[in-house]
Amino acid sequence: MSISLLICDDSSFAQKQLLHALPEDWDVMITYAKNGKDALKVIAEQKMSVMFLDLNMPILDGYGVLAKLQEDNSKLRVIVVSGDIQDEAFNRVKDLGALDFIKKPVSKEEIIRVVQQYGLDEELIEEEAPLDQDHDIDLFDAYREVTNVAMGQAASLLAKVLDAFVVMPIPNVNMIEITELQMAINSAISRDYSSAVCQGFMGGGLAGEAMLLFSDSSYADMAKMMHFEGEMDDTAEIELLMDLTNILIGACTNGLAEQFDIDISLGHPTVLGRHMVNYDVINKSNYRWKSTLAIDLPITIENKDINANLLLLFTEDSIPRFNQLISYVAA
């Protein structure tokens, strides 16, 4: 007899990856939910056996779903599948009753491990189940998902350095003209003064720049968390800014490279300016492309006054190759 499986993820691209990773001989009836609120509605209306649950979703995230299920004493078996691979994320979901935690992107080996470890393989059948619920790839959704996984690596590294919990952002993806980039930056950050660093990247047919925008009001908390001793002068601020740039941009681009099985090299970081009002940022850049795929990642630290934005700007010439790589990881 088939079991009822609920896949809760706001990304149809991630849903497709998970679907392809399921054992071919697992007899399941699959239901999809795009956020935690929808998942709870499905659970209330249908008897579900197992749920694969993302953490980083709009409306209601995975933590909220787990908290509600724990409150209701639900017997639903929940396996978290997330790009947020911080140790604290793992601890929190286990405390909320999740059976296990699988990091994105999912693999057949990890799914089989979980299925066997928790006795779900008793539901396996001898004939191949018709898992043919396929989706066309929504490219913007796919850009968002692979960046989310890459940012998970960056957040995990930053969390270890700061001994804190990094609130994982939902990436904001847009194809914009370079002339519109300043407007996008202004909408992404609400503070009056910021410091900005950019760093070029190239490899595997991809090219562009990563830009880190860091709130000037965040230096004090960042210095404390990084155990900086001494006067917080201009030199110290630049040192902290460069350390943060190396962690976030390095880990994020490496996360993309690992998913696509390519090498991405980074140029030398350049400080665009410090204590700048928003409109100064692009004036200090010199882009030779007309349009860009812009991915904005807001970064905050739980219970700390630390705010930053990581912008990934891909050249227009990179987009066809990016789409090819997306198809590769979706296969």
C-alpha atoms as a PDB file:
ATOM      1  CA  MET A   1       0.000   0.000   0.000  1.00  0.00           C
ATOM      2  CA  SER A   2       1.381   3.405  -0.947  1.00  0.00           C
ATOM      3  CA  ILE A   3       2.193   5.982   1.717  1.00  0.00           C
ATOM      4  CA  SER A   4       1.330   9.661   1.668  1.00  0.00           C
ATOM      5  CA  LEU A   5       4.349  11.919   1.191  1.00  0.00           C
ATOM      6  CA  LEU A   6       4.199  15.700   1.571  1.00  0.00           C
ATOM      7  CA  ILE A   7       6.991  17.770   0.009  1.00  0.00           C
ATOM      8  CA  CYS A   8       6.990  21.301   1.421  1.00  0.00           C
ATOM      9  CA  ASP A   9       9.313  23.704  -0.387  1.00  0.00           C
ATOM     10  CA  ASP A  10       8.673  27.103  -1.932  1.00  0.00           C
ATOM     11  CA  SER A  11      10.942  26.207  -4.860  1.00  0.00           C
ATOM     12  CA  SER A  12       9.529  24.039  -7.638  1.00  0.00           C
ATOM     13  CA  PHE A  13      13.146  23.486  -8.737  1.00  0.00           C
ATOM     14  CA  ALA A  14      13.975  22.025  -5.301  1.00  0.00           C
ATOM     15  CA  GLN A  15      10.812  19.922  -5.443  1.00  0.00           C
ATOM     16  CA  LYS A  16      11.967  18.484  -8.753  1.00  0.00           C
ATOM     17  CA  GLN A  17      15.439  17.691  -7.407  1.00  0.00           C
ATOM     18  CA  LEU A  18      13.923  15.901  -4.432  1.00  0.00           C
ATOM     19  CA  LEU A  19      11.505  13.986  -6.636  1.00  0.00           C
ATOM     20  CA  HIS A  20      14.380  12.696  -8.763  1.00  0.00           C
ATOM     21  CA  ALA A  21      16.260  11.603  -5.633  1.00  0.00           C
ATOM     22  CA  LEU A  22      13.447   9.406  -4.287  1.00  0.00           C
ATOM     23  CA  PRO A  23      13.959   5.621  -4.522  1.00  0.00           C
ATOM     24  CA  GLU A  24      12.435   4.399  -7.764  1.00  0.00           C
ATOM     25  CA  ASP A  25      10.729   1.505  -5.979  1.00  0.00           C
ATOM     26  CA  TRP A  26       9.139   3.599  -3.248  1.00  0.00           C
ATOM     27  CA  ASP A  27       5.359   3.463  -3.537  1.00  0.00           C
ATOM     28  CA  VAL A  28       4.306   6.990  -2.588  1.00  0.00           C
ATOM     29  CA  MET A  29       1.436   9.340  -3.227  1.00  0.00           C
ATOM     30  CA  ILE A  30       2.982  12.806  -3.380  1.00  0.00           C
ATOM     31  CA  THR A  31       1.404  16.111  -2.363  1.00  0.00           C
ATOM     32  CA  TYR A  32       3.201  19.436  -2.678  1.00  0.00           C
ATOM     33  CA  ALA A  33       3.045  22.586  -0.531  1.00  0.00           C
ATOM     34  CA  LYS A  34       4.752  25.903  -1.327  1.00  0.00           C
ATOM     35  CA  ASN A  35       5.034  27.191   2.258  1.00  0.00           C
ATOM     36  CA  GLY A  36       4.424  26.174   5.837  1.00  0.00           C
ATOM     37  CA  LYS A  37       0.897  27.537   5.979  1.00  0.00           C
ATOM     38  CA  ASP A  38      -0.140  25.438   2.989  1.00  0.00           C
ATOM     39  CA  ALA A  39       1.576  22.397   4.486  1.00  0.00           C
ATOM     40  CA  LEU A  40      -0.358  22.669   7.740  1.00  0.00           C
ATOM     41  CA  LYS A  41      -3.579  22.954   5.743  1.00  0.00           C
ATOM     42  CA  VAL A  42      -2.753  19.741   3.847  1.00  0.00           C
ATOM     43  CA  ILE A  43      -1.870  17.952   7.099  1.00  0.00           C
ATOM     44  CA  ALA A  44      -5.166  19.030   8.664  1.00  0.00           C
ATOM     45  CA  GLU A  45      -7.193  17.789   5.700  1.00  0.00           C
ATOM     46  CA  GLN A  46      -5.308  14.625   4.723  1.00  0.00           C
ATOM     47  CA  LYS A  47      -3.550  11.822   6.542  1.00  0.00           C
ATOM     48  CA  MET A  48       0.130  12.213   5.652  1.00  0.00           C
ATOM     49  CA  SER A  49       2.792   9.653   6.570  1.00  0.00           C
ATOM     50  CA  VAL A  50       6.036  11.509   5.847  1.00  0.00           C
ATOM     51  CA  MET A  51       6.995  15.099   5.089  1.00  0.00           C
ATOM     52  CA  PHE A  52      10.162  16.481   3.554  1.00  0.00           C
ATOM     53  CA  LEU A  53      10.307  20.046   4.890  1.00  0.00           C
ATOM     54  CA  ASP A  54      12.325  23.065   3.770  1.00  0.00           C
ATOM     55  CA  LEU A  55      13.241  25.653   6.411  1.00  0.00           C
ATOM     56  CA  ASN A  56      13.620  28.892   4.491  1.00  0.00           C
ATOM     57  CA  MET A  57      10.170  29.766   3.097  1.00  0.00           C
ATOM     58  CA  PRO A  58       7.856  32.790   2.962  1.00  0.00           C
ATOM     59  CA  ILE A  59       4.622  33.160   4.972  1.00  0.00           C
ATOM     60  CA  LEU A  60       5.512  30.385   7.446  1.00  0.00           C
ATOM     61  CA  ASP A  61       8.952  28.800   7.576  1.00  0.00           C
ATOM     62  CA  GLY A  62       9.916  25.275   8.475  1.00  0.00           C
ATOM     63  CA  TYR A  63      10.606  26.134  12.115  1.00  0.00           C
ATOM     64  CA  GLY A  64       7.042  27.396  12.444  1.00  0.00           C
ATOM     65  CA  VAL A  65       5.666  24.187  10.951  1.00  0.00           C
ATOM     66  CA  LEU A  66       7.694  22.017  13.318  1.00  0.00           C
ATOM     67  CA  ALA A  67       6.644  24.111  16.318  1.00  0.00           C
ATOM     68  CA  LYS A  68       2.971  23.720  15.386  1.00  0.00           C
ATOM     69  CA  LEU A  69       3.299  19.968  14.854  1.00  0.00           C
ATOM     70  CA  GLN A  70       5.058  19.636  18.208  1.00  0.00           C
ATOM     71  CA  GLU A  71       2.312  21.652  19.874  1.00  0.00           C
ATOM     72  CA  ASP A  72      -0.297  19.348  18.337  1.00  0.00           C
ATOM     73  CA  ASN A  73       1.637  16.196  19.344  1.00  0.00           C
ATOM     74  CA  SER A  74       1.640  15.154  15.698  1.00  0.00           C
ATOM     75  CA  LYS A  75       3.006  11.723  14.793  1.00  0.00           C
ATOM     76  CA  LEU A  76       3.934  12.856  11.281  1.00  0.00           C
ATOM     77  CA  ARG A  77       7.483  11.817  10.395  1.00  0.00           C
ATOM     78  CA  VAL A  78       9.329  14.967   9.303  1.00  0.00           C
ATOM     79  CA  ILE A  79      12.684  15.063   7.536  1.00  0.00           C
ATOM     80  CA  VAL A  80      14.113  18.540   7.071  1.00  0.00           C
ATOM     81  CA  VAL A  81      15.741  19.236   3.695  1.00  0.00           C
ATOM     82  CA  SER A  82      17.467  22.600   3.778  1.00  0.00           C
ATOM     83  CA  GLY A  83      20.259  24.745   2.412  1.00  0.00           C
ATOM     84  CA  ASP A  84      20.734  26.216   5.902  1.00  0.00           C
ATOM     85  CA  ILE A  85      23.439  23.913   7.217  1.00  0.00           C
ATOM     86  CA  GLN A  86      24.358  25.795  10.379  1.00  0.00           C
ATOM     87  CA  ASP A  87      24.922  23.552  13.403  1.00  0.00           C
ATOM     88  CA  GLU A  88      22.335  25.584  15.295  1.00  0.00           C
ATOM     89  CA  ALA A  89      19.760  24.991  12.542  1.00  0.00           C
ATOM     90  CA  PHE A  90      20.276  21.244  12.947  1.00  0.00           C
ATOM     91  CA  ASN A  91      19.962  21.477  16.726  1.00  0.00           C
ATOM     92  CA  ARG A  92      16.801  23.563  16.537  1.00  0.00           C
ATOM     93  CA  VAL A  93      14.937  21.254  14.185  1.00  0.00           C
ATOM     94  CA  LYS A  94      15.905  18.192  16.222  1.00  0.00           C
ATOM     95  CA  ASP A  95      14.605  19.899  19.368  1.00  0.00           C
ATOM     96  CA  LEU A  96      11.360  20.567  17.498  1.00  0.00           C
ATOM     97  CA  GLY A  97      10.934  16.907  16.683  1.00  0.00           C
ATOM     98  CA  ALA A  98      12.366  16.439  13.189  1.00  0.00           C
ATOM     99  CA  LEU A  99      13.554  12.891  12.490  1.00  0.00           C
ATOM    100  CA  ASP A 100      16.590  13.932  10.498  1.00  0.00           C
ATOM    101  CA  PHE A 101      18.250  16.713   8.528  1.00  0.00           C
ATOM    102  CA  ILE A 102      19.397  16.455   4.919  1.00  0.00           C
ATOM    103  CA  LYS A 103      21.373  19.268   3.363  1.00  0.00           C
ATOM    104  CA  LYS A 104      20.618  20.578  -0.098  1.00  0.00           C
ATOM    105  CA  PRO A 105      21.168  19.709  -2.853  1.00  0.00           C
ATOM    106  CA  VAL A 106      19.724  16.303  -2.049  1.00  0.00           C
ATOM    107  CA  SER A 107      21.285  13.085  -3.252  1.00  0.00           C
ATOM    108  CA  LYS A 108      19.801   9.643  -3.807  1.00  0.00           C
ATOM    109  CA  GLU A 109      22.255   8.230  -1.283  1.00  0.00           C
ATOM    110  CA  GLU A 110      21.046  10.523   1.513  1.00  0.00           C
ATOM    111  CA  ILE A 111      17.384   9.862   0.764  1.00  0.00           C
ATOM    112  CA  ILE A 112      17.980   6.098   0.762  1.00  0.00           C
ATOM    113  CA  ARG A 113      19.896   6.381   4.056  1.00  0.00           C
ATOM    114  CA  VAL A 114      16.967   8.162   5.708  1.00  0.00           C
ATOM    115  CA  VAL A 115      14.392   5.790   4.197  1.00  0.00           C
ATOM    116  CA  GLN A 116      16.266   2.759   5.511  1.00  0.00           C
ATOM    117  CA  GLN A 117      17.253   4.252   8.879  1.00  0.00           C
ATOM    118  CA  TYR A 118      13.697   5.073   9.876  1.00  0.00           C
ATOM    119  CA  GLY A 119      12.043   1.975   8.468  1.00  0.00           C
ATOM    120  CA  LEU A 120      10.405   3.741   5.566  1.00  0.00           C
ATOM    121  CA  ASP A 121      11.800   1.073   3.242  1.00  0.00           C
ATOM    122  CA  GLU A 122       9.104  -1.225   4.540  1.00  0.00           C
ATOM    123  CA  GLU A 123       6.875   0.716   2.202  1.00  0.00           C
ATOM    124  CA  LEU A 124       9.022  -0.169  -0.826  1.00  0.00           C
ATOM    125  CA  ILE A 125       7.483  -2.200  -3.612  1.00  0.00           C
ATOM    126  CA  GLU A 126       9.035  -4.516  -6.160  1.00  0.00           C
ATOM    127  CA  GLU A 127       7.899  -2.582  -9.199  1.00  0.00           C
ATOM    128  CA  GLU A 128       8.913   0.935 -10.141  1.00  0.00           C
ATOM    129  CA  ALA A 129       6.462   3.560  -8.972  1.00  0.00           C
ATOM    130  CA  PRO A 130       5.309   6.017 -11.634  1.00  0.00           C
ATOM    131  CA  LEU A 131       6.905   9.178 -10.249  1.00  0.00           C
ATOM    132  CA  ASP A 132       6.171  11.210 -13.339  1.00  0.00           C
ATOM    133  CA  GLN A 133       4.961  14.455 -11.764  1.00  0.00           C
ATOM    134  CA  ASP A 134       7.558  16.569 -13.586  1.00  0.00           C
ATOM    135  CA  HIS A 135       7.848  20.323 -13.720  1.00  0.00           C
ATOM    136  CA  ASP A 136       9.193  22.646 -16.357  1.00  0.00           C
ATOM    137  CA  ILE A 137      12.086  24.617 -14.930  1.00  0.00           C
ATOM    138  CA  ASP A 138      11.225  28.116 -13.768  1.00  0.00           C
ATOM    139  CA  LEU A 139      14.641  29.702 -14.280  1.00  0.00           C
ATOM    140  CA  PHE A 140      14.192  32.481 -11.743  1.00  0.00           C
ATOM    141  CA  ASP A 141      13.067  29.914  -9.195  1.00  0.00           C
ATOM    142  CA  ALA A 142      16.129  27.832 -10.049  1.00  0.00           C
ATOM    143  CA  TYR A 143      18.466  30.844  -9.700  1.00  0.00           C
ATOM    144  CA  ARG A 144      16.923  31.474  -6.293  1.00  0.00           C
ATOM    145  CA  GLU A 145      17.296  27.874  -5.160  1.00  0.00           C
ATOM    146  CA  VAL A 146      20.931  27.293  -6.173  1.00  0.00           C
ATOM    147  CA  THR A 147      21.858  30.636  -4.598  1.00  0.00           C
ATOM    148  CA  ASN A 148      19.991  29.667  -1.440  1.00  0.00           C
ATOM    149  CA  VAL A 149      22.059  26.490  -1.193  1.00  0.00           C
ATOM    150  CA  ALA A 150      25.282  28.424  -1.813  1.00  0.00           C
ATOM    151  CA  MET A 151      24.343  31.017   0.786  1.00  0.00           C
ATOM    152  CA  GLY A 152      23.732  28.184   3.232  1.00  0.00           C
ATOM    153  CA  GLN A 153      27.435  27.379   3.085  1.00  0.00           C
ATOM    154  CA  ALA A 154      28.361  31.015   3.628  1.00  0.00           C
ATOM    155  CA  ALA A 155      25.948  31.349   6.547  1.00  0.00           C
ATOM    156  CA  SER A 156      27.312  28.176   8.155  1.00  0.00           C
ATOM    157  CA  LEU A 157      30.885  29.462   7.963  1.00  0.00           C
ATOM    158  CA  LEU A 158      29.953  32.911   9.258  1.00  0.00           C
ATOM    159  CA  ALA A 159      27.958  31.366  12.115  1.00  0.00           C
ATOM    160  CA  LYS A 160      31.008  29.376  13.222  1.00  0.00           C
ATOM    161  CA  VAL A 161      33.261  32.440  13.075  1.00  0.00           C
ATOM    162  CA  LEU A 162      30.820  34.611  15.035  1.00  0.00           C
ATOM    163  CA  ASP A 163      29.410  31.845  17.264  1.00  0.00           C
ATOM    164  CA  ALA A 164      25.950  33.108  16.367  1.00  0.00           C
ATOM    165  CA  PHE A 165      22.904  32.207  14.307  1.00  0.00           C
ATOM    166  CA  VAL A 166      22.678  33.734  10.839  1.00  0.00           C
ATOM    167  CA  VAL A 167      19.130  34.386   9.689  1.00  0.00           C
ATOM    168  CA  MET A 168      18.971  32.824   6.232  1.00  0.00           C
ATOM    169  CA  PRO A 169      17.560  35.191   3.606  1.00  0.00           C
ATOM    170  CA  ILE A 170      15.165  34.377   0.793  1.00  0.00           C
ATOM    171  CA  PRO A 171      17.101  35.489  -2.309  1.00  0.00           C
ATOM    172  CA  ASN A 172      15.555  38.249  -4.384  1.00  0.00           C
ATOM    173  CA  VAL A 173      16.212  37.661  -8.102  1.00  0.00           C
ATOM    174  CA  ASN A 174      15.767  40.177 -10.913  1.00  0.00           C
ATOM    175  CA  MET A 175      17.020  40.782 -14.431  1.00  0.00           C
ATOM    176  CA  ILE A 176      17.718  44.506 -14.550  1.00  0.00           C
ATOM    177  CA  GLU A 177      19.470  47.134 -16.602  1.00  0.00           C
ATOM    178  CA  ILE A 178      22.706  48.419 -15.122  1.00  0.00           C
ATOM    179  CA  THR A 179      21.096  51.870 -15.043  1.00  0.00           C
ATOM    180  CA  GLU A 180      18.476  50.396 -12.698  1.00  0.00           C
ATOM    181  CA  LEU A 181      21.021  48.812 -10.391  1.00  0.00           C
ATOM    182  CA  GLN A 182      21.297  51.804  -8.088  1.00  0.00           C
ATOM    183  CA  MET A 183      17.533  51.775  -7.613  1.00  0.00           C
ATOM    184  CA  ALA A 184      17.708  48.091  -6.726  1.00  0.00           C
ATOM    185  CA  ILE A 185      20.435  48.778  -4.181  1.00  0.00           C
ATOM    186  CA  ASN A 186      18.428  51.589  -2.621  1.00  0.00           C
ATOM    187  CA  SER A 187      15.403  49.309  -2.263  1.00  0.00           C
ATOM    188  CA  ALA A 188      17.539  46.525  -0.785  1.00  0.00           C
ATOM    189  CA  ILE A 189      18.992  48.647   2.019  1.00  0.00           C
ATOM    190  CA  SER A 190      17.195  51.101   4.226  1.00  0.00           C
ATOM    191  CA  ARG A 191      20.125  52.720   5.975  1.00  0.00           C
ATOM    192  CA  ASP A 192      21.656  56.065   5.048  1.00  0.00           C
ATOM    193  CA  TYR A 193      25.335  55.194   5.245  1.00  0.00           C
ATOM    194  CA  SER A 194      27.098  52.040   4.148  1.00  0.00           C
ATOM    195  CA  SER A 195      30.464  50.672   3.205  1.00  0.00           C
ATOM    196  CA  ALA A 196      30.796  48.732  -0.039  1.00  0.00           C
ATOM    197  CA  VAL A 197      33.239  46.150  -1.350  1.00  0.00           C
ATOM    198  CA  CYS A 198      33.127  44.463  -4.745  1.00  0.00           C
ATOM    199  CA  GLN A 199      34.954  41.386  -5.987  1.00  0.00           C
ATOM    200  CA  GLY A 200      34.922  39.970  -9.479  1.00  0.00           C
ATOM    201  CA  PHE A 201      34.410  36.267 -10.140  1.00  0.00           C
ATOM    202  CA  MET A 202      34.859  34.088 -13.203  1.00  0.00           C
ATOM    203  CA  GLY A 203      34.818  30.406 -14.086  1.00  0.00           C
ATOM    204  CA  GLY A 204      32.920  27.684 -15.880  1.00  0.00           C
ATOM    205  CA  GLY A 205      31.427  30.194 -18.302  1.00  0.00           C
ATOM    206  CA  LEU A 206      30.088  32.411 -15.514  1.00  0.00           C
ATOM    207  CA  ALA A 207      31.338  35.912 -14.808  1.00  0.00           C
ATOM    208  CA  GLY A 208      30.267  38.888 -12.790  1.00  0.00           C
ATOM    209  CA  GLU A 209      30.818  40.738  -9.566  1.00  0.00           C
ATOM    210  CA  ALA A 210      29.822  40.178  -5.976  1.00  0.00           C
ATOM    211  CA  MET A 211      29.127  43.292  -3.953  1.00  0.00           C
ATOM    212  CA  LEU A 212      28.926  43.437  -0.162  1.00  0.00           C
ATOM    213  CA  LEU A 213      27.067  46.379   1.369  1.00  0.00           C
ATOM    214  CA  PHE A 214      27.684  46.711   5.085  1.00  0.00           C
ATOM    215  CA  SER A 215      25.845  49.036   7.442  1.00  0.00           C
ATOM    216  CA  ASP A 216      28.157  51.461   9.212  1.00  0.00           C
ATOM    217  CA  SER A 217      26.127  50.969  12.389  1.00  0.00           C
ATOM    218  CA  SER A 218      27.118  47.274  12.417  1.00  0.00           C
ATOM    219  CA  TYR A 219      30.853  47.701  12.997  1.00  0.00           C
ATOM    220  CA  ALA A 220      30.636  47.771  16.812  1.00  0.00           C
ATOM    221  CA  ASP A 221      28.743  44.499  17.157  1.00  0.00           C
ATOM    222  CA  MET A 222      30.813  42.824  14.459  1.00  0.00           C
ATOM    223  CA  ALA A 223      34.056  43.793  16.204  1.00  0.00           C
ATOM    224  CA  LYS A 224      32.835  42.310  19.493  1.00  0.00           C
ATOM    225  CA  MET A 225      31.729  39.059  17.880  1.00  0.00           C
ATOM    226  CA  MET A 226      35.010  38.668  16.025  1.00  0.00           C
ATOM    227  CA  HIS A 227      36.884  39.357  19.282  1.00  0.00           C
ATOM    228  CA  PHE A 228      38.646  42.384  17.862  1.00  0.00           C
ATOM    229  CA  GLU A 229      40.756  44.184  20.421  1.00  0.00           C
ATOM    230  CA  GLY A 230      41.920  47.725  19.968  1.00  0.00           C
ATOM    231  CA  GLU A 231      40.632  51.031  18.728  1.00  0.00           C
ATOM    232  CA  MET A 232      37.926  50.852  16.040  1.00  0.00           C
ATOM    233  CA  ASP A 233      39.616  53.254  13.618  1.00  0.00           C
ATOM    234  CA  ASP A 234      39.478  53.352   9.813  1.00  0.00           C
ATOM    235  CA  THR A 235      42.109  50.630   9.466  1.00  0.00           C
ATOM    236  CA  ALA A 236      40.244  48.309  11.830  1.00  0.00           C
ATOM    237  CA  GLU A 237      36.950  48.879  10.022  1.00  0.00           C
ATOM    238  CA  ILE A 238      38.493  48.017   6.657  1.00  0.00           C
ATOM    239  CA  GLU A 239      40.059  44.881   8.164  1.00  0.00           C
ATOM    240  CA  LEU A 240      36.671  43.723   9.480  1.00  0.00           C
ATOM    241  CA  LEU A 241      35.027  44.548   6.170  1.00  0.00           C
ATOM    242  CA  MET A 242      37.598  42.493   4.261  1.00  0.00           C
ATOM    243  CA  ASP A 243      37.261  39.557   6.657  1.00  0.00           C
ATOM    244  CA  LEU A 244      33.496  39.558   6.156  1.00  0.00           C
ATOM    245  CA  THR A 245      33.943  39.844   2.380  1.00  0.00           C
ATOM    246  CA  ASN A 246      36.285  36.855   2.276  1.00  0.00           C
ATOM    247  CA  ILE A 247      33.891  34.712   4.316  1.00  0.00           C
ATOM    248  CA  LEU A 248      30.658  35.556   2.523  1.00  0.00           C
ATOM    249  CA  ILE A 249      31.756  35.980  -1.083  1.00  0.00           C
ATOM    250  CA  GLY A 250      34.289  33.169  -0.956  1.00  0.00           C
ATOM    251  CA  ALA A 251      31.915  30.619   0.566  1.00  0.00           C
ATOM    252  CA  CYS A 252      28.936  31.656  -1.563  1.00  0.00           C
ATOM    253  CA  THR A 253      30.758  31.448  -4.897  1.00  0.00           C
ATOM    254  CA  ASN A 254      32.331  28.170  -3.800  1.00  0.00           C
ATOM    255  CA  GLY A 255      28.841  26.875  -3.028  1.00  0.00           C
ATOM    256  CA  LEU A 256      27.755  27.676  -6.569  1.00  0.00           C
ATOM    257  CA  ALA A 257      30.889  26.072  -8.008  1.00  0.00           C
ATOM    258  CA  GLU A 258      30.321  22.837  -6.080  1.00  0.00           C
ATOM    259  CA  GLN A 259      26.728  22.515  -7.285  1.00  0.00           C
ATOM    260  CA  PHE A 260      27.722  23.079 -10.901  1.00  0.00           C
ATOM    261  CA  ASP A 261      30.964  21.058 -10.701  1.00  0.00           C
ATOM    262  CA  ILE A 262      33.025  23.974 -12.001  1.00  0.00           C
ATOM    263  CA  ASP A 263      35.877  26.122 -10.716  1.00  0.00           C
ATOM    264  CA  ILE A 264      35.224  29.780  -9.927  1.00  0.00           C
ATOM    265  CA  SER A 265      38.120  32.120  -9.269  1.00  0.00           C
ATOM    266  CA  LEU A 266      37.897  35.440  -7.458  1.00  0.00           C
ATOM    267  CA  GLY A 267      39.650  38.698  -8.205  1.00  0.00           C
ATOM    268  CA  HIS A 268      41.044  41.014  -5.569  1.00  0.00           C
ATOM    269  CA  PRO A 269      38.375  42.724  -3.479  1.00  0.00           C
ATOM    270  CA  THR A 270      38.067  46.459  -3.955  1.00  0.00           C
ATOM    271  CA  VAL A 271      36.640  48.898  -1.430  1.00  0.00           C
ATOM    272  CA  LEU A 272      34.201  51.051  -3.390  1.00  0.00           C
ATOM    273  CA  GLY A 273      33.829  53.436  -0.503  1.00  0.00           C
ATOM    274  CA  ARG A 274      33.004  53.878   3.138  1.00  0.00           C
ATOM    275  CA  HIS A 275      30.413  55.958   4.965  1.00  0.00           C
ATOM    276  CA  MET A 276      28.639  56.472   1.652  1.00  0.00           C
ATOM    277  CA  VAL A 277      25.048  57.388   1.038  1.00  0.00           C
ATOM    278  CA  ASN A 278      23.284  54.836  -1.159  1.00  0.00           C
ATOM    279  CA  TYR A 279      23.498  56.744  -4.410  1.00  0.00           C
ATOM    280  CA  ASP A 280      27.284  56.887  -4.223  1.00  0.00           C
ATOM    281  CA  VAL A 281      27.750  53.133  -4.651  1.00  0.00           C
ATOM    282  CA  ILE A 282      27.201  52.726  -8.374  1.00  0.00           C
ATOM    283  CA  ASN A 283      28.866  56.036  -9.134  1.00  0.00           C
ATOM    284  CA  LYS A 284      32.069  54.457  -7.864  1.00  0.00           C
ATOM    285  CA  SER A 285      31.653  51.347 -10.047  1.00  0.00           C
ATOM    286  CA  ASN A 286      32.401  51.027 -13.731  1.00  0.00           C
ATOM    287  CA  TYR A 287      30.230  48.383 -15.367  1.00  0.00           C
ATOM    288  CA  ARG A 288      30.670  47.731 -19.062  1.00  0.00           C
ATOM    289  CA  TRP A 289      27.582  45.535 -19.410  1.00  0.00           C
ATOM    290  CA  LYS A 290      24.090  46.781 -20.165  1.00  0.00           C
ATOM    291  CA  SER A 291      22.057  44.375 -18.052  1.00  0.00           C
ATOM    292  CA  THR A 292      22.670  41.968 -15.201  1.00  0.00           C
ATOM    293  CA  LEU A 293      21.087  39.078 -13.381  1.00  0.00           C
ATOM    294  CA  ALA A 294      21.008  40.524  -9.862  1.00  0.00           C
ATOM    295  CA  ILE A 295      20.558  38.289  -6.816  1.00  0.00           C
ATOM    296  CA  ASP A 296      20.156  40.119  -3.527  1.00  0.00           C
ATOM    297  CA  LEU A 297      20.811  38.321  -0.242  1.00  0.00           C
ATOM    298  CA  PRO A 298      19.977  40.316   2.912  1.00  0.00           C
ATOM    299  CA  ILE A 299      22.065  39.132   5.874  1.00  0.00           C
ATOM    300  CA  THR A 300      21.210  39.566   9.531  1.00  0.00           C
ATOM    301  CA  ILE A 301      22.519  38.038  12.738  1.00  0.00           C
ATOM    302  CA  GLU A 302      19.947  36.927  15.266  1.00  0.00           C
ATOM    303  CA  ASN A 303      19.656  39.338  18.216  1.00  0.00           C
ATOM    304  CA  LYS A 304      22.500  41.528  16.938  1.00  0.00           C
ATOM    305  CA  ASP A 305      22.609  44.894  15.217  1.00  0.00           C
ATOM    306  CA  ILE A 306      24.436  43.529  12.190  1.00  0.00           C
ATOM    307  CA  ASN A 307      22.964  44.105   8.749  1.00  0.00           C
ATOM    308  CA  ALA A 308      24.478  43.569   5.332  1.00  0.00           C
ATOM    309  CA  ASN A 309      23.482  42.765   1.776  1.00  0.00           C
ATOM    310  CA  LEU A 310      25.335  40.464  -0.577  1.00  0.00           C
ATOM    311  CA  LEU A 311      24.602  41.184  -4.230  1.00  0.00           C
ATOM    312  CA  LEU A 312      25.608  38.705  -6.926  1.00  0.00           C
ATOM    313  CA  LEU A 313      25.686  40.402 -10.332  1.00  0.00           C
ATOM    314  CA  PHE A 314      26.049  38.103 -13.344  1.00  0.00           C
ATOM    315  CA  THR A 315      26.958  39.498 -16.752  1.00  0.00           C
ATOM    316  CA  GLU A 316      24.384  39.174 -19.511  1.00  0.00           C
ATOM    317  CA  ASP A 317      26.816  36.989 -21.474  1.00  0.00           C
ATOM    318  CA  SER A 318      26.802  34.512 -18.566  1.00  0.00           C
ATOM    319  CA  ILE A 319      23.063  33.877 -18.582  1.00  0.00           C
ATOM    320  CA  PRO A 320      22.945  31.200 -21.352  1.00  0.00           C
ATOM    321  CA  ARG A 321      25.701  29.261 -19.586  1.00  0.00           C
ATOM    322  CA  PHE A 322      23.977  29.711 -16.218  1.00  0.00           C
ATOM    323  CA  ASN A 323      20.833  28.206 -17.739  1.00  0.00           C
ATOM    324  CA  GLN A 324      22.812  25.242 -19.067  1.00  0.00           C
ATOM    325  CA  LEU A 325      24.255  24.601 -15.620  1.00  0.00           C
ATOM    326  CA  ILE A 326      20.783  24.804 -14.103  1.00  0.00           C
ATOM    327  CA  SER A 327      19.612  22.106 -16.532  1.00  0.00           C
ATOM    328  CA  TYR A 328      22.630  20.017 -15.566  1.00  0.00           C
ATOM    329  CA  VAL A 329      21.849  20.000 -11.837  1.00  0.00           C
ATOM    330  CA  ALA A 330      18.131  19.475 -12.511  1.00  0.00           C
ATOM    331  CA  ALA A 331      18.725  16.316 -14.548  1.00  0.00           C
END
